[in-house]
Amino acid sequence: MGFSYKPLWKLLIERDMNKEDLRIQVGISSATMAKMGKDENISFEVLNKICTYFGVQPSDIIEHKAGDQ
């Protein structure tokens, strides 16, 4: 079980941004971006920064993955 950041990656495409743009604009580390790329856990603080930047809810940037994924 865990979470996927697929909705965030789709949002970046819609906003014509890449991951590096996001990293710089939100002020998060490259290590955190790497974690997100591997669908690993990140802090609520980072989720808050991303949601605030885009003006969205957490469900707009992450989704829950059920099972052994």
C-alpha atoms as a PDB file:
ATOM      1  CA  MET A   1       0.000   0.000   0.000  1.00  0.00           C
ATOM      2  CA  GLY A   2       1.016   3.579  -0.369  1.00  0.00           C
ATOM      3  CA  PHE A   3       0.469   6.664  -2.407  1.00  0.00           C
ATOM      4  CA  SER A   4       1.108   7.701  -5.975  1.00  0.00           C
ATOM      5  CA  TYR A   5       1.940  11.199  -7.190  1.00  0.00           C
ATOM      6  CA  LYS A   6       0.493  10.563 -10.680  1.00  0.00           C
ATOM      7  CA  PRO A   7      -2.130  13.304 -10.236  1.00  0.00           C
ATOM      8  CA  LEU A   8       0.683  15.772  -9.473  1.00  0.00           C
ATOM      9  CA  TRP A   9       2.644  14.768 -12.572  1.00  0.00           C
ATOM     10  CA  LYS A  10      -0.519  15.248 -14.662  1.00  0.00           C
ATOM     11  CA  LEU A  11      -1.053  18.658 -13.065  1.00  0.00           C
ATOM     12  CA  LEU A  12       2.504  19.657 -13.984  1.00  0.00           C
ATOM     13  CA  ILE A  13       1.837  18.734 -17.615  1.00  0.00           C
ATOM     14  CA  GLU A  14      -1.399  20.754 -17.585  1.00  0.00           C
ATOM     15  CA  ARG A  15       0.473  23.757 -16.165  1.00  0.00           C
ATOM     16  CA  ASP A  16       3.351  23.342 -18.648  1.00  0.00           C
ATOM     17  CA  MET A  17       5.839  22.765 -15.832  1.00  0.00           C
ATOM     18  CA  ASN A  18       8.499  20.154 -15.199  1.00  0.00           C
ATOM     19  CA  LYS A  19       9.646  18.632 -11.915  1.00  0.00           C
ATOM     20  CA  GLU A  20      12.590  21.012 -11.619  1.00  0.00           C
ATOM     21  CA  ASP A  21      10.262  24.013 -12.038  1.00  0.00           C
ATOM     22  CA  LEU A  22       8.122  22.645  -9.211  1.00  0.00           C
ATOM     23  CA  ARG A  23      11.125  21.978  -6.997  1.00  0.00           C
ATOM     24  CA  ILE A  24      12.386  25.537  -7.379  1.00  0.00           C
ATOM     25  CA  GLN A  25       9.000  27.278  -7.128  1.00  0.00           C
ATOM     26  CA  VAL A  26       7.917  25.373  -4.025  1.00  0.00           C
ATOM     27  CA  GLY A  27      11.360  25.300  -2.414  1.00  0.00           C
ATOM     28  CA  ILE A  28      11.779  21.575  -1.876  1.00  0.00           C
ATOM     29  CA  SER A  29      14.936  19.518  -2.065  1.00  0.00           C
ATOM     30  CA  SER A  30      16.039  17.297  -4.903  1.00  0.00           C
ATOM     31  CA  ALA A  31      15.996  14.396  -2.407  1.00  0.00           C
ATOM     32  CA  THR A  32      12.291  15.012  -1.774  1.00  0.00           C
ATOM     33  CA  MET A  33      11.632  15.132  -5.508  1.00  0.00           C
ATOM     34  CA  ALA A  34      13.459  11.808  -5.863  1.00  0.00           C
ATOM     35  CA  LYS A  35      11.236  10.297  -3.156  1.00  0.00           C
ATOM     36  CA  MET A  36       8.155  11.507  -4.976  1.00  0.00           C
ATOM     37  CA  GLY A  37       9.450  10.026  -8.216  1.00  0.00           C
ATOM     38  CA  LYS A  38       9.609   6.647  -6.461  1.00  0.00           C
ATOM     39  CA  ASP A  39       6.178   7.077  -4.826  1.00  0.00           C
ATOM     40  CA  GLU A  40       7.773   7.217  -1.377  1.00  0.00           C
ATOM     41  CA  ASN A  41       6.378   9.103   1.617  1.00  0.00           C
ATOM     42  CA  ILE A  42       7.060  12.799   2.017  1.00  0.00           C
ATOM     43  CA  SER A  43       6.164  15.177   4.823  1.00  0.00           C
ATOM     44  CA  PHE A  44       2.819  16.881   5.234  1.00  0.00           C
ATOM     45  CA  GLU A  45       4.772  20.141   5.189  1.00  0.00           C
ATOM     46  CA  VAL A  46       5.830  19.454   1.598  1.00  0.00           C
ATOM     47  CA  LEU A  47       2.308  18.396   0.623  1.00  0.00           C
ATOM     48  CA  ASN A  48       1.043  21.627   2.147  1.00  0.00           C
ATOM     49  CA  LYS A  49       3.546  23.705   0.146  1.00  0.00           C
ATOM     50  CA  ILE A  50       2.526  22.023  -3.109  1.00  0.00           C
ATOM     51  CA  CYS A  51      -1.210  22.366  -2.396  1.00  0.00           C
ATOM     52  CA  THR A  52      -0.772  26.016  -1.459  1.00  0.00           C
ATOM     53  CA  TYR A  53       1.286  26.755  -4.567  1.00  0.00           C
ATOM     54  CA  PHE A  54      -1.294  25.251  -6.933  1.00  0.00           C
ATOM     55  CA  GLY A  55      -4.374  26.146  -4.853  1.00  0.00           C
ATOM     56  CA  VAL A  56      -5.553  22.524  -4.768  1.00  0.00           C
ATOM     57  CA  GLN A  57      -6.529  19.830  -2.270  1.00  0.00           C
ATOM     58  CA  PRO A  58      -4.250  16.856  -1.424  1.00  0.00           C
ATOM     59  CA  SER A  59      -6.511  14.554  -3.444  1.00  0.00           C
ATOM     60  CA  ASP A  60      -5.570  16.626  -6.506  1.00  0.00           C
ATOM     61  CA  ILE A  61      -1.884  15.715  -6.182  1.00  0.00           C
ATOM     62  CA  ILE A  62      -1.804  12.242  -4.588  1.00  0.00           C
ATOM     63  CA  GLU A  63      -3.844   9.069  -4.837  1.00  0.00           C
ATOM     64  CA  HIS A  64      -3.984   6.027  -2.618  1.00  0.00           C
ATOM     65  CA  LYS A  65      -2.690   2.764  -4.057  1.00  0.00           C
ATOM     66  CA  ALA A  66      -4.345  -0.328  -2.593  1.00  0.00           C
ATOM     67  CA  GLY A  67      -2.822  -3.778  -2.451  1.00  0.00           C
ATOM     68  CA  ASP A  68       0.765  -4.834  -3.014  1.00  0.00           C
ATOM     69  CA  GLN A  69       1.688  -2.001  -5.368  1.00  0.00           C
END
